[in-house]
Amino acid sequence: MLNTVITGSGHFLPEKVVKNDYFLGYDFFDESGKRIEKPIEETIKKFQEITEIEERRYVNEHMFTSDISVIAAEKAIEDAGIDKEELDYIIVANNYGDIDPVYRQVDSMPSIATRVKHKLNIKNNHCRPYEMLFGCPGWIEGLIMAHHLFMSGTAKKILVVGSDTLSRAVDPHDRTAMIFADGAGAVVLEARESDKKEGIITYNTICDSLEEMEYLTNNESLKSDYQGSKVNIKMRGRKVYEYALRKVPALVKRTIDNAELNIHNINKILLHQANAKMDHAMVQRLFKLYGLTEIPDDIAPMTIQKFGNSSVATIPTMYDLIAKNQLGNHRFHPGDHLVFGSVGAGMNINAIVYKIPEKQNPSLTG
């Protein structure tokens, strides 16, 4: 039986820690373009209560999305113990390409995946770079794409990276600027023969692109005379929250059911994290769909409090931290069933049920 398994992982977290008091000097406006008169301290306090974000990471001015992608990729390749020249594909999920730190110009040609291949100095011209533009669910969709490539017999080893520098894509006059962060995570996937089903067991993806298209977009600053970038993240927070709670738990349950498992069989749920309140609510609704109100304390790890929302980098970063025993008491064990789930611009939602192989990479065996 041919399976898609993770054989190595890596991540990069920028050294620059940005605490909430960093925003004390900001001047926020509402959606009508009117300056918010409420004291900034009150705005920040309310923000932290809802999102639980205390701090986030920003890249320094000399680093780009492609740079941090390479750092995470190199770690994953080393962890997998493979020769980089053996890679058949490099799939890089991102949203904005490389962004100039001064002019905020978005640069994505050549693609970030191509730049990653170049910076890794891969000479194999049969290694194909693919860009995955899929909103925050991009890294998971990259795994799903890799799985299809394995099942079609066109690949044996694939690098999947999730990387973004969203600190350069925010409107400094929009309160949602406090949510976003920078980071990169990567895994090496391999097609492995086994007498049992493991690795990626089941997956699902949906896209609602009618009125939902307006929930997460790019637009000009809320401040009419802002002289910075005209390409800034715009998020209708309430709409995203309601959509996520309505759609994500149902999709995750369907994915678990398709694997012929129950929520009791799931050891970890790794969700994309844009807002802690939203993630807690999604997990609660998922368990409620199974008729349960009691939720294990350690089933859904959280990193948003310290890392913010790093988009496509959130889940692979979290996966690598747990795989390396670096996220509190969270651990993976051979035979564990994991759920990866995300929602983001598009609006796209996806989920994977992943079973850690019995014979696992040494990084998971401590």
Protein backbone atom coordinates (compact mmCIF):
# COMPACT_ATOMS: atom_id res chain seq x y z
CA MET A 1 0.00 0.00 0.00
CA LEU A 2 1.40 3.38 -1.02
CA ASN A 3 1.25 6.07 1.67
CA THR A 4 2.12 9.75 1.98
CA VAL A 5 4.20 10.26 5.11
CA ILE A 6 6.11 13.12 6.70
CA THR A 7 9.75 12.12 7.11
CA GLY A 8 11.22 15.44 8.23
CA SER A 9 10.16 18.87 9.45
CA GLY A 10 11.61 22.28 10.22
CA HIS A 11 10.54 25.83 11.01
CA PHE A 12 11.81 29.38 11.32
CA LEU A 13 10.62 31.93 13.85
CA PRO A 14 12.08 35.44 13.50
CA GLU A 15 14.12 36.68 16.44
CA LYS A 16 12.27 40.00 16.68
CA VAL A 17 9.56 39.71 19.36
CA VAL A 18 6.83 42.36 19.04
CA LYS A 19 4.70 42.77 22.16
CA ASN A 20 1.33 44.46 22.21
CA ASP A 21 2.69 47.72 23.61
CA TYR A 22 4.46 48.14 20.25
CA PHE A 23 1.11 49.40 18.94
CA LEU A 24 0.68 52.15 21.56
CA GLY A 25 1.83 54.73 19.04
CA TYR A 26 -0.54 53.56 16.31
CA ASP A 27 -3.50 55.61 15.08
CA PHE A 28 -6.41 53.29 14.22
CA PHE A 29 -9.42 54.07 12.01
CA ASP A 30 -12.75 52.28 11.54
CA GLU A 31 -14.15 50.93 8.26
CA SER A 32 -15.81 54.24 7.47
CA GLY A 33 -12.42 55.98 7.59
CA LYS A 34 -13.13 57.70 10.90
CA ARG A 35 -10.39 57.86 13.53
CA ILE A 36 -11.15 55.69 16.56
CA GLU A 37 -11.22 57.99 19.57
CA LYS A 38 -11.15 55.21 22.15
CA PRO A 39 -7.82 55.19 24.09
CA ILE A 40 -5.31 52.92 22.33
CA GLU A 41 -4.64 51.13 25.63
CA GLU A 42 -8.28 50.10 25.76
CA THR A 43 -8.21 48.90 22.15
CA ILE A 44 -5.12 46.76 22.79
CA LYS A 45 -6.56 45.30 25.99
CA LYS A 46 -9.78 44.30 24.22
CA PHE A 47 -7.78 42.85 21.35
CA GLN A 48 -5.76 40.64 23.70
CA GLU A 49 -8.87 39.47 25.54
CA ILE A 50 -10.42 38.25 22.31
CA THR A 51 -7.42 36.88 20.41
CA GLU A 52 -5.18 35.99 23.40
CA ILE A 53 -2.25 37.32 21.36
CA GLU A 54 0.42 38.76 23.67
CA GLU A 55 3.24 39.01 21.15
CA ARG A 56 4.22 38.03 17.64
CA ARG A 57 7.37 37.67 15.51
CA TYR A 58 8.53 39.98 12.73
CA VAL A 59 11.39 39.41 10.28
CA ASN A 60 14.23 41.91 10.12
CA GLU A 61 14.43 44.29 7.16
CA HIS A 62 16.96 42.14 5.30
CA MET A 63 14.84 38.98 5.19
CA PHE A 64 12.16 37.97 2.73
CA THR A 65 9.56 35.23 2.48
CA SER A 66 11.85 33.21 0.21
CA ASP A 67 14.71 33.52 2.72
CA ILE A 68 12.79 32.21 5.70
CA SER A 69 11.27 29.50 3.49
CA VAL A 70 14.77 28.25 2.76
CA ILE A 71 15.75 28.17 6.44
CA ALA A 72 12.72 26.03 7.31
CA ALA A 73 13.27 23.88 4.21
CA GLU A 74 16.91 23.17 5.02
CA LYS A 75 15.94 22.02 8.49
CA ALA A 76 13.23 19.73 7.11
CA ILE A 77 15.58 18.23 4.52
CA GLU A 78 18.24 17.60 7.16
CA ASP A 79 15.65 16.09 9.51
CA ALA A 80 14.45 13.75 6.75
CA GLY A 81 18.02 12.69 6.04
CA ILE A 82 17.62 13.00 2.28
CA ASP A 83 19.66 14.53 -0.51
CA LYS A 84 17.95 17.73 -1.69
CA GLU A 85 18.64 16.66 -5.28
CA GLU A 86 16.16 13.81 -4.77
CA LEU A 87 13.22 16.18 -4.44
CA ASP A 88 10.71 15.84 -7.25
CA TYR A 89 8.68 18.93 -6.31
CA ILE A 90 8.96 22.00 -4.12
CA ILE A 91 5.54 23.36 -3.17
CA VAL A 92 5.56 26.71 -1.38
CA ALA A 93 2.36 28.08 0.12
CA ASN A 94 2.40 31.85 0.62
CA ASN A 95 0.14 34.82 0.02
CA TYR A 96 2.27 37.79 -0.98
CA GLY A 97 5.61 36.60 -2.32
CA ASP A 98 8.64 38.66 -1.32
CA ILE A 99 7.62 42.10 -0.02
CA ASP A 100 9.97 45.07 -0.08
CA PRO A 101 10.36 46.33 3.52
CA VAL A 102 10.31 50.02 2.51
CA TYR A 103 7.96 50.37 -0.47
CA ARG A 104 5.84 47.29 0.34
CA GLN A 105 6.04 46.25 -3.31
CA VAL A 106 4.90 42.64 -3.77
CA ASP A 107 7.29 40.55 -5.85
CA SER A 108 6.34 37.03 -6.92
CA MET A 109 8.10 36.56 -10.25
CA PRO A 110 9.91 34.25 -10.44
CA SER A 111 7.74 32.37 -7.98
CA ILE A 112 8.75 31.92 -4.36
CA ALA A 113 8.98 28.17 -4.97
CA THR A 114 11.47 28.82 -7.78
CA ARG A 115 13.45 31.17 -5.55
CA VAL A 116 13.52 28.54 -2.82
CA LYS A 117 14.88 25.97 -5.28
CA HIS A 118 17.50 28.51 -6.39
CA LYS A 119 18.56 29.41 -2.85
CA LEU A 120 18.76 25.74 -1.92
CA ASN A 121 21.12 25.41 -4.91
CA ILE A 122 19.25 22.41 -6.30
CA LYS A 123 20.74 21.46 -9.66
CA ASN A 124 18.20 18.78 -10.57
CA ASN A 125 16.16 20.36 -13.38
CA HIS A 126 13.46 17.70 -12.95
CA CYS A 127 12.66 19.16 -9.52
CA ARG A 128 9.57 21.25 -10.25
CA PRO A 129 8.67 24.33 -8.17
CA TYR A 130 4.96 24.94 -7.57
CA GLU A 131 3.36 27.97 -5.96
CA MET A 132 0.35 27.34 -3.73
CA LEU A 133 -1.81 30.46 -3.46
CA PHE A 134 -4.70 29.28 -1.32
CA GLY A 135 -4.97 31.67 1.61
CA CYS A 136 -4.11 30.43 5.09
CA PRO A 137 -5.06 26.82 4.18
CA GLY A 138 -2.27 26.79 1.57
CA TRP A 139 0.17 24.54 3.42
CA ILE A 140 -2.48 21.87 4.02
CA GLU A 141 -3.53 22.11 0.38
CA GLY A 142 0.14 21.64 -0.53
CA LEU A 143 0.11 18.36 1.39
CA ILE A 144 -3.05 17.29 -0.43
CA MET A 145 -1.48 18.16 -3.78
CA ALA A 146 1.67 16.21 -2.89
CA HIS A 147 -0.48 13.22 -1.94
CA HIS A 148 -2.13 13.28 -5.38
CA LEU A 149 1.26 13.46 -7.06
CA PHE A 150 2.44 10.42 -5.11
CA MET A 151 -0.70 8.45 -5.89
CA SER A 152 -0.31 9.26 -9.59
CA GLY A 153 3.19 7.83 -9.55
CA THR A 154 4.86 11.07 -10.67
CA ALA A 155 6.83 11.74 -7.48
CA LYS A 156 8.53 10.06 -4.54
CA LYS A 157 9.82 12.98 -2.44
CA ILE A 158 8.27 16.43 -2.10
CA LEU A 159 9.11 19.48 0.01
CA VAL A 160 6.08 21.47 1.19
CA VAL A 161 6.71 24.88 2.76
CA GLY A 162 4.34 27.42 4.32
CA SER A 163 5.85 30.89 4.64
CA ASP A 164 4.68 34.49 4.93
CA THR A 165 5.87 37.91 6.06
CA LEU A 166 2.49 39.42 6.83
CA SER A 167 3.97 42.21 8.95
CA ARG A 168 4.67 43.91 5.62
CA ALA A 169 1.15 43.38 4.27
CA VAL A 170 -0.85 45.11 6.99
CA ASP A 171 -2.46 48.52 7.19
CA PRO A 172 -0.94 50.31 10.22
CA HIS A 173 -4.26 52.12 10.67
CA ASP A 174 -6.33 48.92 10.87
CA ARG A 175 -6.70 47.16 14.24
CA THR A 176 -6.32 43.78 12.53
CA ALA A 177 -2.66 44.68 11.98
CA MET A 178 -2.08 43.42 15.53
CA ILE A 179 -3.09 39.88 14.53
CA PHE A 180 -0.57 39.12 11.82
CA ALA A 181 2.97 37.79 12.10
CA ASP A 182 5.87 36.27 10.15
CA GLY A 183 7.22 32.74 10.04
CA ALA A 184 7.94 29.62 8.00
CA GLY A 185 7.41 25.89 8.42
CA ALA A 186 8.28 22.98 6.16
CA VAL A 187 8.00 19.22 5.84
CA VAL A 188 9.47 16.60 3.56
CA LEU A 189 6.87 14.11 2.34
CA GLU A 190 7.75 10.73 0.92
CA ALA A 191 5.79 8.02 -0.83
CA ARG A 192 6.26 4.91 1.31
CA GLU A 193 5.05 1.36 0.84
CA SER A 194 3.47 -0.29 3.88
CA ASP A 195 1.13 -3.16 4.66
CA LYS A 196 -1.20 -0.73 6.48
CA LYS A 197 -2.74 2.67 5.83
CA GLU A 198 -0.77 5.50 7.48
CA GLY A 199 0.35 9.04 6.81
CA ILE A 200 -2.43 10.96 5.03
CA ILE A 201 -5.58 8.88 5.62
CA THR A 202 -8.33 11.22 4.42
CA TYR A 203 -8.72 14.84 3.37
CA ASN A 204 -11.36 17.36 2.36
CA THR A 205 -11.37 20.81 0.79
CA ILE A 206 -14.20 23.24 0.09
CA CYS A 207 -14.29 26.73 -1.40
CA ASP A 208 -17.09 29.28 -0.99
CA SER A 209 -16.34 32.12 -3.37
CA LEU A 210 -19.59 34.04 -3.77
CA GLU A 211 -20.25 36.73 -1.15
CA GLU A 212 -17.51 35.07 0.94
CA MET A 213 -14.92 36.54 -1.44
CA GLU A 214 -15.23 39.81 0.45
CA TYR A 215 -14.42 38.39 3.89
CA LEU A 216 -10.64 38.52 3.36
CA THR A 217 -9.24 40.75 0.65
CA ASN A 218 -6.62 43.39 -0.14
CA ASN A 219 -7.44 47.07 -0.20
CA GLU A 220 -6.24 50.58 0.49
CA SER A 221 -5.64 51.89 3.99
CA LEU A 222 -8.52 52.90 6.24
CA LYS A 223 -6.75 56.25 6.56
CA SER A 224 -7.57 58.22 3.42
CA ASP A 225 -4.24 60.09 3.19
CA TYR A 226 -2.01 57.10 4.03
CA GLN A 227 1.07 57.22 1.79
CA GLY A 228 2.06 53.58 2.14
CA SER A 229 1.05 50.47 0.24
CA LYS A 230 -2.31 50.17 -1.50
CA VAL A 231 -2.16 46.39 -1.00
CA ASN A 232 -3.12 45.73 2.62
CA ILE A 233 -4.88 42.81 4.28
CA LYS A 234 -8.55 43.60 4.90
CA MET A 235 -10.45 41.20 7.11
CA ARG A 236 -14.11 41.37 8.03
CA GLY A 237 -13.52 39.70 11.37
CA ARG A 238 -17.13 39.02 12.35
CA LYS A 239 -17.91 37.46 8.95
CA VAL A 240 -14.80 35.24 9.08
CA TYR A 241 -15.64 34.19 12.64
CA GLU A 242 -19.23 33.24 11.79
CA TYR A 243 -18.19 31.45 8.59
CA ALA A 244 -15.46 29.46 10.34
CA LEU A 245 -17.75 28.30 13.14
CA ARG A 246 -20.43 27.32 10.68
CA LYS A 247 -18.21 25.42 8.24
CA VAL A 248 -14.92 24.21 9.80
CA PRO A 249 -16.22 21.82 12.50
CA ALA A 250 -18.54 20.14 10.00
CA LEU A 251 -15.74 19.66 7.46
CA VAL A 252 -13.37 18.29 10.11
CA LYS A 253 -16.03 15.86 11.34
CA ARG A 254 -16.69 14.68 7.80
CA THR A 255 -12.96 14.09 7.30
CA ILE A 256 -12.71 12.10 10.53
CA ASP A 257 -15.82 10.11 9.62
CA ASN A 258 -14.41 9.35 6.18
CA ALA A 259 -11.38 7.85 7.91
CA GLU A 260 -13.83 5.57 9.78
CA LEU A 261 -12.66 7.08 13.05
CA ASN A 262 -14.33 8.88 15.95
CA ILE A 263 -13.22 11.99 17.79
CA HIS A 264 -12.00 9.67 20.58
CA ASN A 265 -9.42 8.31 18.11
CA ILE A 266 -7.92 11.76 17.47
CA ASN A 267 -4.83 12.57 19.54
CA LYS A 268 -4.13 16.12 18.34
CA ILE A 269 -6.03 18.78 16.39
CA LEU A 270 -3.66 21.29 14.79
CA LEU A 271 -5.73 24.25 13.62
CA HIS A 272 -4.66 27.37 11.82
CA GLN A 273 -4.80 30.14 14.41
CA ALA A 274 -6.09 33.60 13.60
CA ASN A 275 -7.94 34.22 16.84
CA ALA A 276 -7.88 32.09 19.99
CA LYS A 277 -11.55 32.71 20.72
CA MET A 278 -12.44 31.37 17.27
CA ASP A 279 -10.24 28.29 17.65
CA HIS A 280 -11.65 27.42 21.07
CA ALA A 281 -15.17 27.78 19.65
CA MET A 282 -14.39 25.59 16.62
CA VAL A 283 -13.05 22.78 18.82
CA GLN A 284 -16.07 23.04 21.11
CA ARG A 285 -18.44 22.84 18.14
CA LEU A 286 -16.56 19.87 16.72
CA PHE A 287 -16.97 17.92 19.95
CA LYS A 288 -20.59 19.01 20.17
CA LEU A 289 -21.19 17.41 16.75
CA TYR A 290 -20.18 14.15 18.44
CA GLY A 291 -22.52 14.86 21.37
CA LEU A 292 -19.66 15.72 23.71
CA THR A 293 -19.01 18.68 25.98
CA GLU A 294 -15.85 17.46 27.71
CA ILE A 295 -12.72 18.35 25.72
CA PRO A 296 -9.25 16.96 26.57
CA ASP A 297 -7.00 19.78 27.73
CA ASP A 298 -4.13 18.85 25.44
CA ILE A 299 -5.94 17.97 22.21
CA ALA A 300 -5.67 21.36 20.47
CA PRO A 301 -2.27 23.02 21.00
CA MET A 302 -2.13 26.80 20.77
CA THR A 303 0.75 28.99 19.62
CA ILE A 304 -1.07 32.20 18.70
CA GLN A 305 -0.46 33.75 22.12
CA LYS A 306 3.27 34.04 21.44
CA PHE A 307 3.56 33.78 17.65
CA GLY A 308 0.47 35.57 16.36
CA ASN A 309 -1.16 34.59 13.06
CA SER A 310 1.59 33.55 10.65
CA SER A 311 -0.92 32.23 8.10
CA VAL A 312 0.40 29.23 6.13
CA ALA A 313 3.32 28.87 8.56
CA THR A 314 1.18 28.26 11.66
CA ILE A 315 0.45 24.54 11.35
CA PRO A 316 3.84 23.33 10.01
CA THR A 317 5.58 25.37 12.72
CA MET A 318 3.37 23.84 15.38
CA TYR A 319 3.88 20.36 13.93
CA ASP A 320 7.68 20.75 14.00
CA LEU A 321 7.71 22.11 17.55
CA ILE A 322 5.72 19.14 18.81
CA ALA A 323 7.75 16.68 16.74
CA LYS A 324 10.90 18.05 18.39
CA ASN A 325 9.31 18.08 21.88
CA GLN A 326 9.53 21.88 22.00
CA LEU A 327 5.91 22.85 22.66
CA GLY A 328 5.26 22.33 26.35
CA ASN A 329 4.09 18.83 27.21
CA HIS A 330 2.64 18.13 23.77
CA ARG A 331 4.01 14.96 22.18
CA PHE A 332 3.46 12.83 19.10
CA HIS A 333 3.62 9.06 19.30
CA PRO A 334 3.76 6.38 16.59
CA GLY A 335 0.20 5.41 15.68
CA ASP A 336 -1.30 8.75 16.77
CA HIS A 337 -4.04 10.25 14.63
CA LEU A 338 -3.69 13.98 13.96
CA VAL A 339 -6.08 16.44 12.36
CA PHE A 340 -4.79 19.41 10.37
CA GLY A 341 -7.44 22.04 9.66
CA SER A 342 -7.51 25.58 8.28
CA VAL A 343 -9.77 28.33 6.97
CA GLY A 344 -8.79 31.43 5.04
CA ALA A 345 -9.12 33.78 2.10
CA GLY A 346 -11.07 32.39 -0.78
CA MET A 347 -12.97 31.39 1.36
CA ASN A 348 -11.16 28.07 1.51
CA ILE A 349 -11.38 25.37 4.17
CA ASN A 350 -9.49 22.09 4.27
CA ALA A 351 -8.65 19.28 6.67
CA ILE A 352 -6.49 16.16 6.78
CA VAL A 353 -6.50 13.14 9.06
CA TYR A 354 -2.89 12.02 9.39
CA LYS A 355 -1.67 8.85 11.11
CA ILE A 356 1.90 8.90 12.38
CA PRO A 357 3.61 5.76 11.04
CA GLU A 358 4.60 3.04 13.48
CA LYS A 359 8.17 3.28 12.19
CA GLN A 360 8.74 7.00 12.48
CA ASN A 361 11.53 9.44 11.81
CA PRO A 362 13.91 9.58 14.84
CA SER A 363 12.83 13.16 15.61
CA LEU A 364 9.49 11.82 16.86
CA THR A 365 10.88 9.09 19.07
CA GLY A 366 12.80 11.33 21.42
